[in-house]
Amino acid sequence: MNKQLTHLNADGAAQMVDVGSKPDSERVAIAAGIITMQPETLRLIEDGLLKKGDVLSIAKVAGIMAAKKTSELIPLCHPIALTKIEVELTLDEAACAVRIQATARTIGKTGVEMEALTAVSVAALTVYDMAKAVDRAMRIGEIRLLEKHGGQHGDYVASEG
């Protein structure tokens, strides 16, 4: 495993990595996260009874939009032409939570991990925003990369846990 921090130059200053000489390849990243809440909040989301509207649909669109804007939010990220971004939100009654998963795809010189992670993060923040009037104690967490495929560093699959 290469442990070099590529966003730092020899002097330790921040830099954007030059990916110009890298070949294009198909790249896929899958990220996930969760937002936990009170049981009543989850029921209101499920029944579509929150004043701001359909929480899951709006959070899905917010995640998609955020993935497309990742390079504007994360200073050293490259702008990427996404070929697909998919955001799924599912209700988990046992955990009193909304589970979020995002899959980002591109054909290019650099990966899409940050786009998938950004999609999950903003989708979770959108759920919080839409339900905060009834539950300010919601918790966003466990945001992580589940899988990454393509590129010169090869595949990555997170271990369970």
N, C-alpha and C. Protein backbone atom coordinates (compact mmCIF):
# COMPACT_ATOMS: atom_id res chain seq x y z
N MET A 1 0.84 -1.18 0.00
CA MET A 1 0.00 0.00 0.00
C MET A 1 0.88 1.24 0.00
N ASN A 2 0.58 2.19 -0.87
CA ASN A 2 1.30 3.45 -0.95
C ASN A 2 0.80 4.37 0.15
N LYS A 3 1.67 4.74 1.07
CA LYS A 3 1.25 5.57 2.20
C LYS A 3 1.64 7.03 2.03
N GLN A 4 2.05 7.41 0.83
CA GLN A 4 2.41 8.80 0.55
C GLN A 4 1.16 9.66 0.46
N LEU A 5 1.18 10.82 1.08
CA LEU A 5 0.07 11.76 0.97
C LEU A 5 0.25 12.55 -0.32
N THR A 6 -0.54 12.22 -1.32
CA THR A 6 -0.35 12.79 -2.66
C THR A 6 -0.78 14.25 -2.76
N HIS A 7 -1.55 14.74 -1.80
CA HIS A 7 -1.99 16.13 -1.85
C HIS A 7 -1.02 17.09 -1.17
N LEU A 8 0.18 16.58 -0.83
CA LEU A 8 1.23 17.42 -0.28
C LEU A 8 2.45 17.35 -1.18
N ASN A 9 3.07 18.50 -1.43
CA ASN A 9 4.29 18.49 -2.23
C ASN A 9 5.49 18.19 -1.34
N ALA A 10 6.69 18.22 -1.90
CA ALA A 10 7.91 17.88 -1.14
C ALA A 10 8.13 18.80 0.06
N ASP A 11 7.61 20.01 -0.01
CA ASP A 11 7.76 20.97 1.09
C ASP A 11 6.62 20.88 2.11
N GLY A 12 5.66 19.97 1.87
CA GLY A 12 4.54 19.81 2.79
C GLY A 12 3.37 20.73 2.51
N ALA A 13 3.42 21.46 1.41
CA ALA A 13 2.33 22.37 1.06
C ALA A 13 1.25 21.63 0.27
N ALA A 14 0.02 22.09 0.40
CA ALA A 14 -1.10 21.47 -0.32
C ALA A 14 -0.93 21.64 -1.82
N GLN A 15 -1.30 20.60 -2.55
CA GLN A 15 -1.25 20.66 -4.01
C GLN A 15 -2.36 19.78 -4.59
N MET A 16 -2.79 20.14 -5.78
CA MET A 16 -3.72 19.28 -6.52
C MET A 16 -2.88 18.29 -7.30
N VAL A 17 -3.21 17.01 -7.21
CA VAL A 17 -2.44 15.96 -7.87
C VAL A 17 -2.59 16.09 -9.38
N ASP A 18 -1.49 15.95 -10.10
CA ASP A 18 -1.52 15.96 -11.56
C ASP A 18 -1.86 14.55 -12.05
N VAL A 19 -3.05 14.40 -12.62
CA VAL A 19 -3.48 13.08 -13.11
C VAL A 19 -3.42 13.01 -14.64
N GLY A 20 -2.81 14.01 -15.26
CA GLY A 20 -2.80 14.12 -16.71
C GLY A 20 -2.20 12.93 -17.44
N SER A 21 -1.20 12.27 -16.86
CA SER A 21 -0.55 11.16 -17.55
C SER A 21 -1.21 9.81 -17.26
N LYS A 22 -2.18 9.79 -16.38
CA LYS A 22 -2.85 8.53 -16.05
C LYS A 22 -3.82 8.14 -17.15
N PRO A 23 -3.95 6.85 -17.42
CA PRO A 23 -4.92 6.43 -18.45
C PRO A 23 -6.35 6.50 -17.92
N ASP A 24 -7.28 6.72 -18.84
CA ASP A 24 -8.68 6.66 -18.47
C ASP A 24 -9.05 5.22 -18.15
N SER A 25 -9.87 5.04 -17.14
CA SER A 25 -10.40 3.71 -16.82
C SER A 25 -11.76 3.88 -16.16
N GLU A 26 -12.52 2.80 -16.18
CA GLU A 26 -13.81 2.84 -15.49
C GLU A 26 -13.56 2.85 -13.99
N ARG A 27 -14.27 3.71 -13.28
CA ARG A 27 -14.10 3.84 -11.84
C ARG A 27 -15.47 3.85 -11.19
N VAL A 28 -15.56 3.13 -10.07
CA VAL A 28 -16.80 3.02 -9.33
C VAL A 28 -16.48 3.14 -7.84
N ALA A 29 -17.32 3.85 -7.11
CA ALA A 29 -17.19 3.93 -5.66
C ALA A 29 -18.57 3.82 -5.04
N ILE A 30 -18.63 3.09 -3.93
CA ILE A 30 -19.88 2.94 -3.18
C ILE A 30 -19.60 3.39 -1.75
N ALA A 31 -20.45 4.30 -1.26
CA ALA A 31 -20.32 4.80 0.11
C ALA A 31 -21.65 4.63 0.82
N ALA A 32 -21.60 4.66 2.15
CA ALA A 32 -22.83 4.51 2.93
C ALA A 32 -22.75 5.35 4.20
N GLY A 33 -23.91 5.57 4.79
CA GLY A 33 -24.02 6.27 6.05
C GLY A 33 -25.40 6.05 6.63
N ILE A 34 -25.64 6.61 7.80
CA ILE A 34 -26.90 6.39 8.50
C ILE A 34 -27.26 7.65 9.27
N ILE A 35 -28.55 7.90 9.41
CA ILE A 35 -29.03 8.96 10.30
C ILE A 35 -30.08 8.33 11.22
N THR A 36 -29.77 8.34 12.50
CA THR A 36 -30.68 7.75 13.48
C THR A 36 -31.57 8.83 14.07
N MET A 37 -32.75 8.41 14.53
CA MET A 37 -33.77 9.36 14.98
C MET A 37 -34.73 8.68 15.94
N GLN A 38 -35.65 9.46 16.47
CA GLN A 38 -36.71 8.94 17.31
C GLN A 38 -37.68 8.11 16.45
N PRO A 39 -38.30 7.09 17.03
CA PRO A 39 -39.25 6.27 16.26
C PRO A 39 -40.37 7.09 15.61
N GLU A 40 -40.87 8.10 16.32
CA GLU A 40 -41.94 8.93 15.76
C GLU A 40 -41.46 9.70 14.54
N THR A 41 -40.22 10.16 14.55
CA THR A 41 -39.67 10.88 13.40
C THR A 41 -39.61 9.95 12.19
N LEU A 42 -39.16 8.73 12.41
CA LEU A 42 -39.10 7.76 11.31
C LEU A 42 -40.50 7.50 10.75
N ARG A 43 -41.50 7.40 11.63
CA ARG A 43 -42.88 7.18 11.16
C ARG A 43 -43.38 8.37 10.33
N LEU A 44 -43.06 9.58 10.77
CA LEU A 44 -43.48 10.77 10.02
C LEU A 44 -42.84 10.78 8.63
N ILE A 45 -41.57 10.39 8.55
CA ILE A 45 -40.89 10.32 7.25
C ILE A 45 -41.56 9.25 6.39
N GLU A 46 -41.78 8.09 6.96
CA GLU A 46 -42.39 6.97 6.22
C GLU A 46 -43.78 7.33 5.70
N ASP A 47 -44.55 8.04 6.52
CA ASP A 47 -45.92 8.39 6.14
C ASP A 47 -46.01 9.68 5.33
N GLY A 48 -44.87 10.34 5.11
CA GLY A 48 -44.86 11.58 4.33
C GLY A 48 -45.58 12.73 5.00
N LEU A 49 -45.49 12.80 6.32
CA LEU A 49 -46.27 13.79 7.07
C LEU A 49 -45.46 14.99 7.56
N LEU A 50 -44.22 15.12 7.14
CA LEU A 50 -43.44 16.30 7.53
C LEU A 50 -43.81 17.48 6.64
N LYS A 51 -43.85 18.66 7.22
CA LYS A 51 -44.31 19.85 6.51
C LYS A 51 -43.47 20.19 5.27
N LYS A 52 -42.18 19.85 5.31
CA LYS A 52 -41.30 20.23 4.19
C LYS A 52 -41.46 19.33 2.98
N GLY A 53 -42.17 18.20 3.09
CA GLY A 53 -42.42 17.37 1.92
C GLY A 53 -41.85 15.97 2.03
N ASP A 54 -41.66 15.35 0.87
CA ASP A 54 -41.19 13.97 0.76
C ASP A 54 -39.69 13.91 1.05
N VAL A 55 -39.36 13.58 2.27
CA VAL A 55 -37.98 13.64 2.76
C VAL A 55 -37.05 12.76 1.92
N LEU A 56 -37.44 11.53 1.67
CA LEU A 56 -36.54 10.60 0.98
C LEU A 56 -36.28 11.01 -0.46
N SER A 57 -37.30 11.48 -1.16
CA SER A 57 -37.10 11.92 -2.54
C SER A 57 -36.22 13.16 -2.62
N ILE A 58 -36.46 14.09 -1.73
CA ILE A 58 -35.68 15.33 -1.75
C ILE A 58 -34.23 15.06 -1.34
N ALA A 59 -34.03 14.19 -0.35
CA ALA A 59 -32.66 13.85 0.07
C ALA A 59 -31.92 13.13 -1.04
N LYS A 60 -32.61 12.29 -1.78
CA LYS A 60 -31.99 11.58 -2.92
C LYS A 60 -31.50 12.58 -3.96
N VAL A 61 -32.35 13.52 -4.33
CA VAL A 61 -31.97 14.53 -5.31
C VAL A 61 -30.82 15.39 -4.78
N ALA A 62 -30.87 15.75 -3.50
CA ALA A 62 -29.80 16.54 -2.90
C ALA A 62 -28.47 15.80 -2.97
N GLY A 63 -28.48 14.50 -2.69
CA GLY A 63 -27.25 13.70 -2.79
C GLY A 63 -26.70 13.67 -4.19
N ILE A 64 -27.57 13.51 -5.17
CA ILE A 64 -27.14 13.51 -6.57
C ILE A 64 -26.53 14.86 -6.95
N MET A 65 -27.21 15.93 -6.58
CA MET A 65 -26.70 17.27 -6.89
C MET A 65 -25.36 17.52 -6.21
N ALA A 66 -25.22 17.08 -4.98
CA ALA A 66 -23.97 17.29 -4.24
C ALA A 66 -22.81 16.55 -4.88
N ALA A 67 -23.05 15.32 -5.32
CA ALA A 67 -21.98 14.55 -5.97
C ALA A 67 -21.44 15.30 -7.18
N LYS A 68 -22.33 15.94 -7.92
CA LYS A 68 -21.92 16.68 -9.11
C LYS A 68 -21.13 17.94 -8.77
N LYS A 69 -21.23 18.41 -7.53
CA LYS A 69 -20.55 19.64 -7.10
C LYS A 69 -19.36 19.36 -6.18
N THR A 70 -18.94 18.12 -6.06
CA THR A 70 -17.89 17.76 -5.09
C THR A 70 -16.64 18.60 -5.24
N SER A 71 -16.18 18.82 -6.46
CA SER A 71 -14.93 19.58 -6.64
C SER A 71 -15.07 21.04 -6.23
N GLU A 72 -16.29 21.53 -6.12
CA GLU A 72 -16.51 22.89 -5.63
C GLU A 72 -16.52 22.95 -4.11
N LEU A 73 -16.70 21.79 -3.47
CA LEU A 73 -16.79 21.73 -2.01
C LEU A 73 -15.48 21.29 -1.36
N ILE A 74 -14.77 20.37 -2.00
CA ILE A 74 -13.53 19.81 -1.47
C ILE A 74 -12.39 20.44 -2.28
N PRO A 75 -11.57 21.27 -1.68
CA PRO A 75 -10.63 22.11 -2.43
C PRO A 75 -9.71 21.40 -3.42
N LEU A 76 -9.18 20.23 -3.12
CA LEU A 76 -8.20 19.61 -4.00
C LEU A 76 -8.77 18.49 -4.87
N CYS A 77 -10.09 18.36 -4.90
CA CYS A 77 -10.73 17.36 -5.76
C CYS A 77 -10.76 17.85 -7.21
N HIS A 78 -10.58 16.91 -8.11
CA HIS A 78 -10.70 17.23 -9.53
C HIS A 78 -12.16 17.26 -9.95
N PRO A 79 -12.53 18.14 -10.85
CA PRO A 79 -13.88 18.06 -11.42
C PRO A 79 -13.98 16.77 -12.22
N ILE A 80 -15.03 16.02 -12.02
CA ILE A 80 -15.18 14.71 -12.66
C ILE A 80 -16.49 14.68 -13.44
N ALA A 81 -16.42 14.15 -14.64
CA ALA A 81 -17.63 13.93 -15.44
C ALA A 81 -18.23 12.60 -15.00
N LEU A 82 -19.21 12.67 -14.12
CA LEU A 82 -19.85 11.45 -13.65
C LEU A 82 -20.69 10.84 -14.76
N THR A 83 -20.60 9.53 -14.91
CA THR A 83 -21.47 8.84 -15.86
C THR A 83 -22.72 8.34 -15.17
N LYS A 84 -22.65 8.23 -13.83
CA LYS A 84 -23.82 7.81 -13.05
C LYS A 84 -23.60 8.15 -11.59
N ILE A 85 -24.66 8.58 -10.94
CA ILE A 85 -24.68 8.70 -9.49
C ILE A 85 -26.05 8.20 -9.05
N GLU A 86 -26.03 7.25 -8.16
CA GLU A 86 -27.27 6.68 -7.65
C GLU A 86 -27.25 6.81 -6.13
N VAL A 87 -28.35 7.30 -5.57
CA VAL A 87 -28.48 7.45 -4.13
C VAL A 87 -29.73 6.70 -3.69
N GLU A 88 -29.55 5.81 -2.73
CA GLU A 88 -30.67 5.04 -2.20
C GLU A 88 -30.83 5.33 -0.73
N LEU A 89 -32.05 5.61 -0.31
CA LEU A 89 -32.36 5.82 1.10
C LEU A 89 -33.40 4.78 1.50
N THR A 90 -33.12 4.06 2.57
CA THR A 90 -34.04 3.03 3.04
C THR A 90 -34.30 3.22 4.53
N LEU A 91 -35.53 2.94 4.90
CA LEU A 91 -35.92 3.04 6.30
C LEU A 91 -35.52 1.76 7.02
N ASP A 92 -34.92 1.92 8.19
CA ASP A 92 -34.53 0.79 9.02
C ASP A 92 -35.25 0.95 10.35
N GLU A 93 -36.41 0.31 10.47
CA GLU A 93 -37.23 0.46 11.68
C GLU A 93 -36.52 -0.07 12.91
N ALA A 94 -35.80 -1.18 12.79
CA ALA A 94 -35.12 -1.77 13.94
C ALA A 94 -34.09 -0.81 14.54
N ALA A 95 -33.41 -0.07 13.68
CA ALA A 95 -32.38 0.88 14.15
C ALA A 95 -32.93 2.29 14.33
N CYS A 96 -34.22 2.51 14.00
CA CYS A 96 -34.81 3.86 13.99
C CYS A 96 -33.93 4.80 13.18
N ALA A 97 -33.73 4.43 11.92
CA ALA A 97 -32.77 5.17 11.10
C ALA A 97 -33.16 5.15 9.63
N VAL A 98 -32.54 6.07 8.92
CA VAL A 98 -32.54 6.05 7.47
C VAL A 98 -31.13 5.68 7.05
N ARG A 99 -31.02 4.62 6.28
CA ARG A 99 -29.72 4.18 5.76
C ARG A 99 -29.57 4.77 4.35
N ILE A 100 -28.36 5.23 4.08
CA ILE A 100 -28.09 5.89 2.80
C ILE A 100 -26.93 5.19 2.12
N GLN A 101 -27.08 4.92 0.83
CA GLN A 101 -25.98 4.37 0.04
C GLN A 101 -25.91 5.10 -1.29
N ALA A 102 -24.70 5.43 -1.69
CA ALA A 102 -24.50 6.13 -2.97
C ALA A 102 -23.46 5.38 -3.79
N THR A 103 -23.73 5.29 -5.08
CA THR A 103 -22.80 4.69 -6.03
C THR A 103 -22.48 5.74 -7.09
N ALA A 104 -21.20 6.00 -7.28
CA ALA A 104 -20.73 6.96 -8.28
C ALA A 104 -19.90 6.22 -9.32
N ARG A 105 -20.08 6.60 -10.59
CA ARG A 105 -19.34 5.98 -11.69
C ARG A 105 -18.80 7.07 -12.63
N THR A 106 -17.64 6.74 -13.22
CA THR A 106 -17.07 7.60 -14.26
C THR A 106 -16.11 6.77 -15.10
N ILE A 107 -15.73 7.32 -16.21
CA ILE A 107 -14.60 6.82 -16.98
C ILE A 107 -13.63 7.99 -17.03
N GLY A 108 -12.50 7.83 -16.35
CA GLY A 108 -11.59 8.96 -16.27
C GLY A 108 -10.27 8.60 -15.63
N LYS A 109 -9.54 9.65 -15.23
CA LYS A 109 -8.18 9.52 -14.74
C LYS A 109 -8.09 9.46 -13.21
N THR A 110 -9.19 9.72 -12.54
CA THR A 110 -9.18 9.73 -11.07
C THR A 110 -10.49 9.18 -10.55
N GLY A 111 -10.47 8.72 -9.33
CA GLY A 111 -11.59 8.00 -8.75
C GLY A 111 -12.75 8.87 -8.31
N VAL A 112 -13.81 8.21 -7.89
CA VAL A 112 -15.06 8.88 -7.53
C VAL A 112 -15.46 8.63 -6.07
N GLU A 113 -14.47 8.30 -5.24
CA GLU A 113 -14.77 8.06 -3.83
C GLU A 113 -15.37 9.30 -3.17
N MET A 114 -14.78 10.45 -3.42
CA MET A 114 -15.26 11.67 -2.77
C MET A 114 -16.67 12.03 -3.22
N GLU A 115 -16.99 11.74 -4.47
CA GLU A 115 -18.33 12.01 -4.97
C GLU A 115 -19.37 11.14 -4.27
N ALA A 116 -19.05 9.86 -4.08
CA ALA A 116 -19.97 8.95 -3.38
C ALA A 116 -20.13 9.37 -1.92
N LEU A 117 -19.01 9.70 -1.27
CA LEU A 117 -19.07 10.13 0.13
C LEU A 117 -19.82 11.45 0.30
N THR A 118 -19.63 12.36 -0.64
CA THR A 118 -20.33 13.64 -0.59
C THR A 118 -21.83 13.44 -0.77
N ALA A 119 -22.21 12.56 -1.69
CA ALA A 119 -23.63 12.27 -1.91
C ALA A 119 -24.29 11.76 -0.63
N VAL A 120 -23.63 10.82 0.05
CA VAL A 120 -24.17 10.27 1.30
C VAL A 120 -24.28 11.37 2.35
N SER A 121 -23.23 12.16 2.49
CA SER A 121 -23.20 13.21 3.52
C SER A 121 -24.32 14.22 3.32
N VAL A 122 -24.48 14.70 2.11
CA VAL A 122 -25.49 15.73 1.85
C VAL A 122 -26.90 15.14 1.91
N ALA A 123 -27.08 13.91 1.49
CA ALA A 123 -28.39 13.27 1.64
C ALA A 123 -28.75 13.18 3.13
N ALA A 124 -27.80 12.81 3.97
CA ALA A 124 -28.06 12.73 5.41
C ALA A 124 -28.36 14.11 5.99
N LEU A 125 -27.61 15.11 5.59
CA LEU A 125 -27.86 16.47 6.06
C LEU A 125 -29.24 16.97 5.63
N THR A 126 -29.67 16.55 4.45
CA THR A 126 -31.00 16.94 3.96
C THR A 126 -32.10 16.30 4.79
N VAL A 127 -31.93 15.02 5.13
CA VAL A 127 -32.90 14.37 6.02
C VAL A 127 -32.97 15.15 7.34
N TYR A 128 -31.81 15.49 7.88
CA TYR A 128 -31.78 16.26 9.13
C TYR A 128 -32.52 17.59 8.97
N ASP A 129 -32.21 18.30 7.92
CA ASP A 129 -32.83 19.61 7.70
C ASP A 129 -34.35 19.50 7.61
N MET A 130 -34.80 18.49 6.93
CA MET A 130 -36.25 18.37 6.71
C MET A 130 -37.00 17.90 7.95
N ALA A 131 -36.32 17.20 8.87
CA ALA A 131 -37.00 16.65 10.05
C ALA A 131 -36.59 17.33 11.35
N LYS A 132 -35.71 18.32 11.30
CA LYS A 132 -35.21 18.92 12.54
C LYS A 132 -36.29 19.61 13.36
N ALA A 133 -37.37 20.02 12.75
CA ALA A 133 -38.45 20.68 13.49
C ALA A 133 -39.09 19.73 14.50
N VAL A 134 -39.03 18.44 14.25
CA VAL A 134 -39.62 17.47 15.17
C VAL A 134 -38.58 16.67 15.95
N ASP A 135 -37.30 16.71 15.53
CA ASP A 135 -36.29 15.87 16.18
C ASP A 135 -34.89 16.46 15.97
N ARG A 136 -34.47 17.32 16.86
CA ARG A 136 -33.13 17.92 16.75
C ARG A 136 -32.04 16.99 17.26
N ALA A 137 -32.41 15.85 17.84
CA ALA A 137 -31.43 14.91 18.40
C ALA A 137 -30.99 13.85 17.39
N MET A 138 -31.40 13.98 16.14
CA MET A 138 -30.96 13.01 15.12
C MET A 138 -29.44 12.99 15.06
N ARG A 139 -28.88 11.81 14.71
CA ARG A 139 -27.43 11.67 14.63
C ARG A 139 -27.03 11.12 13.26
N ILE A 140 -26.11 11.80 12.64
CA ILE A 140 -25.54 11.36 11.36
C ILE A 140 -24.24 10.63 11.68
N GLY A 141 -24.05 9.46 11.08
CA GLY A 141 -22.81 8.74 11.37
C GLY A 141 -22.51 7.62 10.40
N GLU A 142 -21.42 6.94 10.72
CA GLU A 142 -20.98 5.76 10.00
C GLU A 142 -20.80 6.02 8.50
N ILE A 143 -20.46 7.24 8.12
CA ILE A 143 -20.23 7.53 6.71
C ILE A 143 -18.87 6.97 6.34
N ARG A 144 -18.87 6.09 5.34
CA ARG A 144 -17.61 5.45 4.96
C ARG A 144 -17.67 4.91 3.54
N LEU A 145 -16.49 4.68 3.01
CA LEU A 145 -16.36 4.05 1.71
C LEU A 145 -16.54 2.55 1.88
N LEU A 146 -17.45 1.97 1.12
CA LEU A 146 -17.67 0.52 1.17
C LEU A 146 -16.84 -0.20 0.11
N GLU A 147 -16.80 0.37 -1.10
CA GLU A 147 -16.07 -0.25 -2.20
C GLU A 147 -15.53 0.81 -3.13
N LYS A 148 -14.43 0.44 -3.79
CA LYS A 148 -13.83 1.27 -4.82
C LYS A 148 -13.25 0.32 -5.86
N HIS A 149 -13.56 0.57 -7.12
CA HIS A 149 -13.07 -0.29 -8.20
C HIS A 149 -12.47 0.57 -9.30
N GLY A 150 -11.39 0.09 -9.90
CA GLY A 150 -10.74 0.78 -11.00
C GLY A 150 -9.56 1.60 -10.55
N GLY A 151 -8.79 2.04 -11.51
CA GLY A 151 -7.63 2.87 -11.22
C GLY A 151 -6.39 2.05 -10.92
N GLN A 152 -5.26 2.75 -10.80
CA GLN A 152 -3.98 2.07 -10.65
C GLN A 152 -3.79 1.44 -9.27
N HIS A 153 -4.56 1.88 -8.28
CA HIS A 153 -4.45 1.27 -6.95
C HIS A 153 -5.36 0.06 -6.79
N GLY A 154 -6.14 -0.25 -7.81
CA GLY A 154 -6.96 -1.45 -7.79
C GLY A 154 -8.21 -1.32 -6.95
N ASP A 155 -8.75 -2.46 -6.59
CA ASP A 155 -10.02 -2.51 -5.88
C ASP A 155 -9.83 -2.41 -4.37
N TYR A 156 -10.87 -1.92 -3.72
CA TYR A 156 -10.92 -1.86 -2.27
C TYR A 156 -12.33 -2.28 -1.85
N VAL A 157 -12.43 -3.16 -0.90
CA VAL A 157 -13.70 -3.54 -0.30
C VAL A 157 -13.53 -3.46 1.20
N ALA A 158 -14.36 -2.67 1.86
CA ALA A 158 -14.25 -2.49 3.31
C ALA A 158 -14.54 -3.79 4.03
N SER A 159 -13.87 -3.98 5.13
CA SER A 159 -14.16 -5.14 5.98
C SER A 159 -15.47 -4.87 6.72
N GLU A 160 -16.11 -5.92 7.15
CA GLU A 160 -17.36 -5.76 7.93
C GLU A 160 -17.05 -5.05 9.23
N GLY A 161 -18.01 -4.25 9.65
CA GLY A 161 -17.85 -3.62 10.97
C GLY A 161 -17.53 -2.20 10.94
